[in-house]
Structures are given as C-alpha cells and as structure tokens.
Amino acid sequence: MIVIVTACLGSENEFGVSKEYSDDYFSLNYPSDWEKEVKGSGANKVILWEEEGLDFQFIVDVRETKDGEVKENPWEKTIKKTEKFKTINIIEQGQVEIDSEKGEKLELKIKTPDGQIENLYYQLKELRGSYKQIDQYLKKVGSVSNFIKEVKNEVTKLDKIEVMLPNVDTDAHTIEPKYKEEIFTLGVIEGVKYELEASEEKILKEKYIVVNKQDIQLQIFFSSNQVEYDNKIEVIQKVINTIRLVD
C-alpha cells in the first residue's frame, strides 16, 4: 500500500527556514532540515522526505490516471481489512480538502511487527485461489493468530513463502499487470523481514491522504513510531496545508 512533510509557513523561529518543492503537478513547503529524494519522473514518481536521526517518513506519490479510469480510493481495501485486523485500529477516516479539492483521509495505529505479519496473512489469502501451495500452507497454519506466532518464532518461514510466488523481476521498468498482487505481496514480506530484524515491538501511526486533480492523483503518506508521530503531526499538517495543485 501503494499509496507525505514538515512545516512550513509559521514564523522562522518556530519552524526554521522553509524550502519549497514544486513540479508540473503540485507544490509544497517543507523545513530546511528535511532531506528530499525523488524517484521516477514525469507524472509517475515518488517524492520522499526524511529528517536525519528521526524515525519517520513523509511521502507524496504522484500517479497519472487515464481517461475514463475510475478514481477509486486506493485505501479502500485497507479500510476493509482493518475491520477484521486484531493489530490495526482506525483512528480516523473521512474527507479532507487539499487546495479546494476534496480527498479521502485515513489514520491508523498499528502494533508491530504483529500488524505487518497479519497484513501478510490476509494478502496471502488474496492469492490462495491462484497458488495451490499457498492454499495448502494457509489450511495447515490455520488462524491468523497461529500465523503470527509461527512467523515470529521461525523467520525462515518467510523465505519458504517467497518461493511459492513467481520469480518476478521487481526492477523491470514494465511489470505484467497479472503480477500486481504478487509484487505487492513480495513487498509486504520484505517489510515483515525488516521489522523482525529490528527485534522491537512498538506502536506505529500512519496517516494517508488521497486527492485527485484532473488526470493526476496524489497519495500522501506519513508514518512513524507513536512518539515521533505525535511530536511531528502538527508540523506535518502545516506542510500539508501548503500543498497547491497545478491546473
């Protein structure tokens, strides 16, 4: 989930010197101590901001939408999943306005690594109809609680799950549409591995915003551990308030 910065227009003493990012699709202001990285180009790219020494990321994912394409909320599936998740709670969801354009917002609280593992469980359930090995594995493991315990106790289970999926070149410029769910699942597995390597149980908070402007969709994402999130959310909102969409 494919699916965000600091603030900005307050006084210099309060927020530091502001910097501006702008392209053909949107602009925003962010703090001078934020490091920016741009991946991709044109109408399909990801702009990532981080601050050295802090455990958070702010991301804006720019995506081109084709003529006649239904501009669905990409987090709709996530919202449905959280209704049954034991480790993820919705803090808030609803509408938001970005530069006079209406969008959708979602804020989550996630127990980690349990939340990432549970997310993987439901992602595998999406694929079980296409992969006999995955179906047999899920029948054997049983409940999601058993799956979480099994993966936490034996990380090598993730390697065994990976080989059940096709060998897809994730670095290729063009990926066959039929492998969309498989690519996402591989990404989820890598996320679980990362959290398990950290060997730390904690609470994450995440904020998602999706807004459409003509044939462009912005997916805005902010994620951090709970303490850093609460410390930064005010400044993040000030950054979001500076976003301007280009006509």
C-alpha atoms as a PDB file:
ATOM      1  CA  MET A   1       0.000   0.000   0.000  1.00  0.00           C
ATOM      2  CA  ILE A   2       0.540   1.689  -2.891  1.00  0.00           C
ATOM      3  CA  VAL A   3      -0.142   4.915  -1.617  1.00  0.00           C
ATOM      4  CA  ILE A   4       3.903  12.657   2.502  1.00  0.00           C
ATOM      5  CA  VAL A   5       6.102  16.901   5.265  1.00  0.00           C
ATOM      6  CA  THR A   6       7.116  19.438   7.730  1.00  0.00           C
ATOM      7  CA  ALA A   7       6.033  22.602   8.207  1.00  0.00           C
ATOM      8  CA  CYS A   8       6.464  25.489   6.799  1.00  0.00           C
ATOM      9  CA  LEU A   9       4.695  28.748   6.853  1.00  0.00           C
ATOM     10  CA  GLY A  10       4.963  29.544  10.537  1.00  0.00           C
ATOM     11  CA  SER A  11       7.456  32.043  11.852  1.00  0.00           C
ATOM     12  CA  GLU A  12      11.147  31.400  11.239  1.00  0.00           C
ATOM     13  CA  ASN A  13      11.822  30.902  14.964  1.00  0.00           C
ATOM     14  CA  GLU A  14       9.021  28.356  15.260  1.00  0.00           C
ATOM     15  CA  PHE A  15       9.658  26.219  12.200  1.00  0.00           C
ATOM     16  CA  GLY A  16      13.038  27.218  10.766  1.00  0.00           C
ATOM     17  CA  VAL A  17      13.662  28.417   7.225  1.00  0.00           C
ATOM     18  CA  SER A  18      11.153  26.968   4.761  1.00  0.00           C
ATOM     19  CA  LYS A  19      12.128  25.349   1.490  1.00  0.00           C
ATOM     20  CA  GLU A  20       9.868  24.777  -1.485  1.00  0.00           C
ATOM     21  CA  TYR A  21       9.358  21.789  -3.742  1.00  0.00           C
ATOM     22  CA  SER A  22       7.392  22.233  -6.958  1.00  0.00           C
ATOM     23  CA  ASP A  23       6.868  20.378 -10.231  1.00  0.00           C
ATOM     24  CA  ASP A  24       4.277  20.363 -13.010  1.00  0.00           C
ATOM     25  CA  TYR A  25       1.620  18.882 -10.723  1.00  0.00           C
ATOM     26  CA  PHE A  26       1.889  20.323  -7.211  1.00  0.00           C
ATOM     27  CA  SER A  27       3.992  22.388  -4.827  1.00  0.00           C
ATOM     28  CA  LEU A  28       4.564  22.457  -1.065  1.00  0.00           C
ATOM     29  CA  ASN A  29       6.822  23.980   1.578  1.00  0.00           C
ATOM     30  CA  TYR A  30       8.896  21.939   3.999  1.00  0.00           C
ATOM     31  CA  PRO A  31      11.514  22.523   6.739  1.00  0.00           C
ATOM     32  CA  SER A  32      15.093  23.233   5.737  1.00  0.00           C
ATOM     33  CA  ASP A  33      16.461  20.235   7.681  1.00  0.00           C
ATOM     34  CA  TRP A  34      14.432  17.719   5.675  1.00  0.00           C
ATOM     35  CA  GLU A  35      16.274  15.555   3.163  1.00  0.00           C
ATOM     36  CA  LYS A  36      14.429  15.083  -0.133  1.00  0.00           C
ATOM     37  CA  GLU A  37      14.667  12.193  -2.620  1.00  0.00           C
ATOM     38  CA  VAL A  38      12.779  11.915  -5.914  1.00  0.00           C
ATOM     39  CA  LYS A  39      12.214   8.511  -7.518  1.00  0.00           C
ATOM     40  CA  GLY A  40      10.812   8.332 -11.039  1.00  0.00           C
ATOM     41  CA  SER A  41       9.930  11.230 -13.301  1.00  0.00           C
ATOM     42  CA  GLY A  42       7.101  12.962 -15.083  1.00  0.00           C
ATOM     43  CA  ALA A  43       3.578  12.141 -13.987  1.00  0.00           C
ATOM     44  CA  ASN A  44       4.560   8.967 -12.123  1.00  0.00           C
ATOM     45  CA  LYS A  45       7.036   9.484  -9.317  1.00  0.00           C
ATOM     46  CA  VAL A  46       7.537   9.344  -5.566  1.00  0.00           C
ATOM     47  CA  ILE A  47       8.955  12.228  -3.524  1.00  0.00           C
ATOM     48  CA  LEU A  48      10.301  11.137  -0.144  1.00  0.00           C
ATOM     49  CA  TRP A  49      11.287  13.385   2.758  1.00  0.00           C
ATOM     50  CA  GLU A  50      13.175  12.273   5.862  1.00  0.00           C
ATOM     51  CA  GLU A  51      14.850  14.012   8.757  1.00  0.00           C
ATOM     52  CA  GLU A  52      18.200  12.664   9.933  1.00  0.00           C
ATOM     53  CA  GLY A  53      18.051  10.773  13.194  1.00  0.00           C
ATOM     54  CA  LEU A  54      14.255  10.617  13.336  1.00  0.00           C
ATOM     55  CA  ASP A  55      12.077   7.586  12.702  1.00  0.00           C
ATOM     56  CA  PHE A  56       9.573   8.948  10.212  1.00  0.00           C
ATOM     57  CA  GLN A  57       8.923   9.441   6.503  1.00  0.00           C
ATOM     58  CA  PHE A  58       6.695  11.806   4.580  1.00  0.00           C
ATOM     59  CA  ILE A  59       5.870  10.716   1.026  1.00  0.00           C
ATOM     60  CA  VAL A  60       3.958  12.139  -1.909  1.00  0.00           C
ATOM     61  CA  ASP A  61       3.235   9.566  -4.617  1.00  0.00           C
ATOM     62  CA  VAL A  62       2.178  11.197  -7.918  1.00  0.00           C
ATOM     63  CA  ARG A  63       0.244   8.980 -10.302  1.00  0.00           C
ATOM     64  CA  GLU A  64      -1.282   9.661 -13.703  1.00  0.00           C
ATOM     65  CA  THR A  65      -4.852   8.468 -14.209  1.00  0.00           C
ATOM     66  CA  LYS A  66      -6.050   7.533 -17.682  1.00  0.00           C
ATOM     67  CA  ASP A  67      -9.143   8.911 -19.434  1.00  0.00           C
ATOM     68  CA  GLY A  68     -12.242   7.235 -18.104  1.00  0.00           C
ATOM     69  CA  GLU A  69     -10.365   5.475 -15.307  1.00  0.00           C
ATOM     70  CA  VAL A  70     -12.337   5.147 -12.097  1.00  0.00           C
ATOM     71  CA  LYS A  71     -10.546   7.208  -9.466  1.00  0.00           C
ATOM     72  CA  GLU A  72     -11.161   4.908  -6.549  1.00  0.00           C
ATOM     73  CA  ASN A  73      -9.790   5.436  -3.085  1.00  0.00           C
ATOM     74  CA  PRO A  74      -6.695   3.148  -3.144  1.00  0.00           C
ATOM     75  CA  TRP A  75      -7.002   2.606   0.606  1.00  0.00           C
ATOM     76  CA  GLU A  76     -10.488   1.105   0.321  1.00  0.00           C
ATOM     77  CA  LYS A  77      -9.083  -2.420   0.596  1.00  0.00           C
ATOM     78  CA  THR A  78      -7.013  -1.372   3.615  1.00  0.00           C
ATOM     79  CA  ILE A  79     -10.087   0.049   5.340  1.00  0.00           C
ATOM     80  CA  LYS A  80     -11.983  -3.198   4.800  1.00  0.00           C
ATOM     81  CA  LYS A  81      -9.074  -5.236   6.154  1.00  0.00           C
ATOM     82  CA  THR A  82      -8.780  -3.165   9.327  1.00  0.00           C
ATOM     83  CA  GLU A  83     -12.336  -4.122  10.233  1.00  0.00           C
ATOM     84  CA  LYS A  84     -11.109  -7.667  10.924  1.00  0.00           C
ATOM     85  CA  PHE A  85      -7.499  -6.931  11.929  1.00  0.00           C
ATOM     86  CA  LYS A  86      -6.592  -7.602  15.548  1.00  0.00           C
ATOM     87  CA  THR A  87      -3.416  -5.492  15.392  1.00  0.00           C
ATOM     88  CA  ILE A  88      -4.568  -2.441  13.411  1.00  0.00           C
ATOM     89  CA  ASN A  89      -7.035   0.196  14.568  1.00  0.00           C
ATOM     90  CA  ILE A  90      -8.530   3.051  12.585  1.00  0.00           C
ATOM     91  CA  ILE A  91      -8.044   6.316  14.472  1.00  0.00           C
ATOM     92  CA  GLU A  92      -9.873   8.478  11.966  1.00  0.00           C
ATOM     93  CA  GLN A  93     -11.225   8.337   8.431  1.00  0.00           C
ATOM     94  CA  GLY A  94     -13.243  10.704   6.290  1.00  0.00           C
ATOM     95  CA  GLN A  95     -12.924  13.526   3.825  1.00  0.00           C
ATOM     96  CA  VAL A  96     -10.211  16.173   3.623  1.00  0.00           C
ATOM     97  CA  GLU A  97      -9.643  19.216   1.426  1.00  0.00           C
ATOM     98  CA  ILE A  98      -6.338  19.913  -0.354  1.00  0.00           C
ATOM     99  CA  ASP A  99      -6.196  23.241  -2.200  1.00  0.00           C
ATOM    100  CA  SER A 100     -10.011  23.240  -2.517  1.00  0.00           C
ATOM    101  CA  GLU A 101     -10.050  19.682  -3.935  1.00  0.00           C
ATOM    102  CA  LYS A 102     -11.850  17.022  -1.883  1.00  0.00           C
ATOM    103  CA  GLY A 103      -9.915  13.933  -0.894  1.00  0.00           C
ATOM    104  CA  GLU A 104     -10.029  10.967   1.464  1.00  0.00           C
ATOM    105  CA  LYS A 105      -8.037  10.588   4.683  1.00  0.00           C
ATOM    106  CA  LEU A 106      -7.224   7.595   6.853  1.00  0.00           C
ATOM    107  CA  GLU A 107      -5.239   7.437  10.100  1.00  0.00           C
ATOM    108  CA  LEU A 108      -4.132   4.097  11.585  1.00  0.00           C
ATOM    109  CA  LYS A 109      -2.468   2.728  14.701  1.00  0.00           C
ATOM    110  CA  ILE A 110      -0.520  -0.500  14.162  1.00  0.00           C
ATOM    111  CA  LYS A 111       1.147  -2.910  16.551  1.00  0.00           C
ATOM    112  CA  THR A 112       4.447  -4.023  15.023  1.00  0.00           C
ATOM    113  CA  PRO A 113       5.708  -6.480  13.916  1.00  0.00           C
ATOM    114  CA  ASP A 114       2.350  -8.228  14.513  1.00  0.00           C
ATOM    115  CA  GLY A 115       0.464  -5.821  12.253  1.00  0.00           C
ATOM    116  CA  GLN A 116       2.787  -6.370   9.307  1.00  0.00           C
ATOM    117  CA  ILE A 117       2.593 -10.145   9.741  1.00  0.00           C
ATOM    118  CA  GLU A 118      -1.188 -10.061   9.963  1.00  0.00           C
ATOM    119  CA  ASN A 119      -1.292  -7.918   6.820  1.00  0.00           C
ATOM    120  CA  LEU A 120       0.807 -10.567   5.052  1.00  0.00           C
ATOM    121  CA  TYR A 121      -1.633 -13.272   6.163  1.00  0.00           C
ATOM    122  CA  TYR A 122      -4.588 -11.526   4.525  1.00  0.00           C
ATOM    123  CA  GLN A 123      -2.535 -10.715   1.432  1.00  0.00           C
ATOM    124  CA  LEU A 124      -1.731 -14.412   1.058  1.00  0.00           C
ATOM    125  CA  LYS A 125      -5.437 -15.171   1.365  1.00  0.00           C
ATOM    126  CA  GLU A 126      -5.975 -12.928  -1.682  1.00  0.00           C
ATOM    127  CA  LEU A 127      -3.617 -15.205  -3.654  1.00  0.00           C
ATOM    128  CA  ARG A 128      -4.602 -18.631  -2.353  1.00  0.00           C
ATOM    129  CA  GLY A 129      -7.008 -19.234  -5.240  1.00  0.00           C
ATOM    130  CA  SER A 130      -4.158 -18.831  -7.748  1.00  0.00           C
ATOM    131  CA  TYR A 131      -1.457 -20.782  -5.912  1.00  0.00           C
ATOM    132  CA  LYS A 132      -2.093 -24.310  -4.642  1.00  0.00           C
ATOM    133  CA  GLN A 133       0.967 -24.236  -2.349  1.00  0.00           C
ATOM    134  CA  ILE A 134      -0.229 -21.058  -0.646  1.00  0.00           C
ATOM    135  CA  ASP A 135      -3.718 -22.514  -0.190  1.00  0.00           C
ATOM    136  CA  GLN A 136      -2.289 -25.689   1.378  1.00  0.00           C
ATOM    137  CA  TYR A 137       0.001 -23.676   3.623  1.00  0.00           C
ATOM    138  CA  LEU A 138      -2.814 -21.473   4.952  1.00  0.00           C
ATOM    139  CA  LYS A 139      -5.014 -24.521   5.602  1.00  0.00           C
ATOM    140  CA  LYS A 140      -2.172 -26.071   7.590  1.00  0.00           C
ATOM    141  CA  VAL A 141      -1.339 -22.960   9.628  1.00  0.00           C
ATOM    142  CA  GLY A 142      -4.977 -22.265  10.481  1.00  0.00           C
ATOM    143  CA  SER A 143      -5.843 -18.959  12.152  1.00  0.00           C
ATOM    144  CA  VAL A 144      -4.155 -15.592  11.755  1.00  0.00           C
ATOM    145  CA  SER A 145      -3.013 -15.801  15.391  1.00  0.00           C
ATOM    146  CA  ASN A 146      -1.199 -19.056  14.621  1.00  0.00           C
ATOM    147  CA  PHE A 147       0.369 -17.450  11.544  1.00  0.00           C
ATOM    148  CA  ILE A 148       1.716 -14.511  13.582  1.00  0.00           C
ATOM    149  CA  LYS A 149       3.218 -16.847  16.174  1.00  0.00           C
ATOM    150  CA  GLU A 150       4.745 -19.118  13.535  1.00  0.00           C
ATOM    151  CA  VAL A 151       6.452 -16.316  11.605  1.00  0.00           C
ATOM    152  CA  LYS A 152       7.757 -14.624  14.764  1.00  0.00           C
ATOM    153  CA  ASN A 153       9.159 -17.918  16.032  1.00  0.00           C
ATOM    154  CA  GLU A 154      10.666 -19.008  12.696  1.00  0.00           C
ATOM    155  CA  VAL A 155      11.607 -16.178  10.327  1.00  0.00           C
ATOM    156  CA  THR A 156      12.729 -18.642   7.633  1.00  0.00           C
ATOM    157  CA  LYS A 157       9.025 -19.321   7.015  1.00  0.00           C
ATOM    158  CA  LEU A 158       9.066 -16.058   5.005  1.00  0.00           C
ATOM    159  CA  ASP A 159      11.682 -17.471   2.614  1.00  0.00           C
ATOM    160  CA  LYS A 160       9.504 -20.543   2.085  1.00  0.00           C
ATOM    161  CA  ILE A 161       6.505 -18.319   1.336  1.00  0.00           C
ATOM    162  CA  GLU A 162       8.523 -16.294  -1.193  1.00  0.00           C
ATOM    163  CA  VAL A 163       9.381 -19.374  -3.277  1.00  0.00           C
ATOM    164  CA  MET A 164       5.671 -20.103  -3.604  1.00  0.00           C
ATOM    165  CA  LEU A 165       5.373 -16.919  -5.690  1.00  0.00           C
ATOM    166  CA  PRO A 166       6.632 -16.450  -9.280  1.00  0.00           C
ATOM    167  CA  ASN A 167      10.145 -15.139  -9.853  1.00  0.00           C
ATOM    168  CA  VAL A 168       9.154 -11.592 -10.832  1.00  0.00           C
ATOM    169  CA  ASP A 169      11.777  -9.006 -11.768  1.00  0.00           C
ATOM    170  CA  THR A 170      10.763  -6.125  -9.485  1.00  0.00           C
ATOM    171  CA  ASP A 171      13.460  -3.891 -11.034  1.00  0.00           C
ATOM    172  CA  ALA A 172      11.986  -4.179 -14.517  1.00  0.00           C
ATOM    173  CA  HIS A 173      10.551  -0.981 -15.973  1.00  0.00           C
ATOM    174  CA  THR A 174       7.391  -2.813 -17.047  1.00  0.00           C
ATOM    175  CA  ILE A 175       5.734  -5.475 -14.913  1.00  0.00           C
ATOM    176  CA  GLU A 176       2.923  -7.619 -16.266  1.00  0.00           C
ATOM    177  CA  PRO A 177      -0.391  -6.459 -14.748  1.00  0.00           C
ATOM    178  CA  LYS A 178      -1.268 -10.040 -13.810  1.00  0.00           C
ATOM    179  CA  TYR A 179       1.549  -9.972 -11.222  1.00  0.00           C
ATOM    180  CA  LYS A 180       0.334  -6.839  -9.416  1.00  0.00           C
ATOM    181  CA  GLU A 181      -0.793  -8.674  -6.264  1.00  0.00           C
ATOM    182  CA  GLU A 182       2.330 -10.848  -6.263  1.00  0.00           C
ATOM    183  CA  ILE A 183       4.590  -7.790  -6.425  1.00  0.00           C
ATOM    184  CA  PHE A 184       2.715  -6.193  -3.553  1.00  0.00           C
ATOM    185  CA  THR A 185       2.961  -9.403  -1.523  1.00  0.00           C
ATOM    186  CA  LEU A 186       6.729  -9.591  -2.027  1.00  0.00           C
ATOM    187  CA  GLY A 187       6.949  -6.015  -0.769  1.00  0.00           C
ATOM    188  CA  VAL A 188       4.918  -6.898   2.302  1.00  0.00           C
ATOM    189  CA  ILE A 189       7.238  -9.847   3.002  1.00  0.00           C
ATOM    190  CA  GLU A 190      10.281  -7.566   2.848  1.00  0.00           C
ATOM    191  CA  GLY A 191       8.561  -5.179   5.263  1.00  0.00           C
ATOM    192  CA  VAL A 192       7.934  -8.019   7.711  1.00  0.00           C
ATOM    193  CA  LYS A 193      11.572  -9.129   7.471  1.00  0.00           C
ATOM    194  CA  TYR A 194      12.720  -5.590   8.225  1.00  0.00           C
ATOM    195  CA  GLU A 195      10.511  -5.338  11.307  1.00  0.00           C
ATOM    196  CA  LEU A 196      11.580  -8.751  12.597  1.00  0.00           C
ATOM    197  CA  GLU A 197      15.262  -7.864  12.158  1.00  0.00           C
ATOM    198  CA  ALA A 198      14.679  -4.795  14.332  1.00  0.00           C
ATOM    199  CA  SER A 199      13.571  -7.191  17.107  1.00  0.00           C
ATOM    200  CA  GLU A 200      11.447  -4.473  18.669  1.00  0.00           C
ATOM    201  CA  GLU A 201       7.748  -4.422  19.414  1.00  0.00           C
ATOM    202  CA  LYS A 202       6.231  -0.954  19.141  1.00  0.00           C
ATOM    203  CA  ILE A 203       3.230   1.054  18.026  1.00  0.00           C
ATOM    204  CA  LEU A 204       3.268   2.795  14.639  1.00  0.00           C
ATOM    205  CA  LYS A 205       0.901   5.511  13.495  1.00  0.00           C
ATOM    206  CA  GLU A 206       0.211   6.217   9.830  1.00  0.00           C
ATOM    207  CA  LYS A 207      -1.696   8.930   8.005  1.00  0.00           C
ATOM    208  CA  TYR A 208      -2.938   8.562   4.404  1.00  0.00           C
ATOM    209  CA  ILE A 209      -4.457  11.207   2.154  1.00  0.00           C
ATOM    210  CA  VAL A 210      -5.628  10.690  -1.435  1.00  0.00           C
ATOM    211  CA  VAL A 211      -6.718  13.557  -3.684  1.00  0.00           C
ATOM    212  CA  ASN A 212      -7.437  13.767  -7.430  1.00  0.00           C
ATOM    213  CA  LYS A 213      -6.887  16.748  -9.712  1.00  0.00           C
ATOM    214  CA  GLN A 214      -7.918  16.276 -13.351  1.00  0.00           C
ATOM    215  CA  ASP A 215      -5.813  13.327 -14.589  1.00  0.00           C
ATOM    216  CA  ILE A 216      -3.412  13.243 -11.606  1.00  0.00           C
ATOM    217  CA  GLN A 217      -3.766  11.519  -8.244  1.00  0.00           C
ATOM    218  CA  LEU A 218      -1.676  12.450  -5.194  1.00  0.00           C
ATOM    219  CA  GLN A 219      -1.242   9.828  -2.497  1.00  0.00           C
ATOM    220  CA  ILE A 220       0.168  11.449   0.644  1.00  0.00           C
ATOM    221  CA  PHE A 221       1.597   9.269   3.399  1.00  0.00           C
ATOM    222  CA  PHE A 222       3.178   9.928   6.799  1.00  0.00           C
ATOM    223  CA  SER A 223       4.424   7.121   9.043  1.00  0.00           C
ATOM    224  CA  SER A 224       6.371   6.983  12.295  1.00  0.00           C
ATOM    225  CA  ASN A 225       6.551   5.369  15.702  1.00  0.00           C
ATOM    226  CA  GLN A 226       3.836   6.693  18.000  1.00  0.00           C
ATOM    227  CA  VAL A 227       6.047   9.089  19.974  1.00  0.00           C
ATOM    228  CA  GLU A 228       7.647  10.697  16.918  1.00  0.00           C
ATOM    229  CA  TYR A 229       4.292  10.821  15.147  1.00  0.00           C
ATOM    230  CA  ASP A 230       2.657  12.732  17.984  1.00  0.00           C
ATOM    231  CA  ASN A 231       5.638  15.092  18.152  1.00  0.00           C
ATOM    232  CA  LYS A 232       5.560  15.823  14.409  1.00  0.00           C
ATOM    233  CA  ILE A 233       1.917  15.655  13.366  1.00  0.00           C
ATOM    234  CA  GLU A 234       1.295  19.383  13.910  1.00  0.00           C
ATOM    235  CA  VAL A 235       4.180  20.363  11.668  1.00  0.00           C
ATOM    236  CA  ILE A 236       3.164  17.696   9.125  1.00  0.00           C
ATOM    237  CA  GLN A 237      -0.295  19.213   8.948  1.00  0.00           C
ATOM    238  CA  LYS A 238       1.213  22.641   8.343  1.00  0.00           C
ATOM    239  CA  VAL A 239       3.180  21.188   5.421  1.00  0.00           C
ATOM    240  CA  ILE A 240       0.047  19.549   4.030  1.00  0.00           C
ATOM    241  CA  ASN A 241      -1.737  22.900   4.296  1.00  0.00           C
ATOM    242  CA  THR A 242       0.827  24.424   1.918  1.00  0.00           C
ATOM    243  CA  ILE A 243       0.127  21.954  -0.903  1.00  0.00           C
ATOM    244  CA  ARG A 244      -1.026  23.653  -4.085  1.00  0.00           C
ATOM    245  CA  LEU A 245      -2.285  21.688  -7.087  1.00  0.00           C
ATOM    246  CA  VAL A 246      -1.266  22.929 -10.518  1.00  0.00           C
ATOM    247  CA  ASP A 247      -4.035  23.467 -13.076  1.00  0.00           C
END
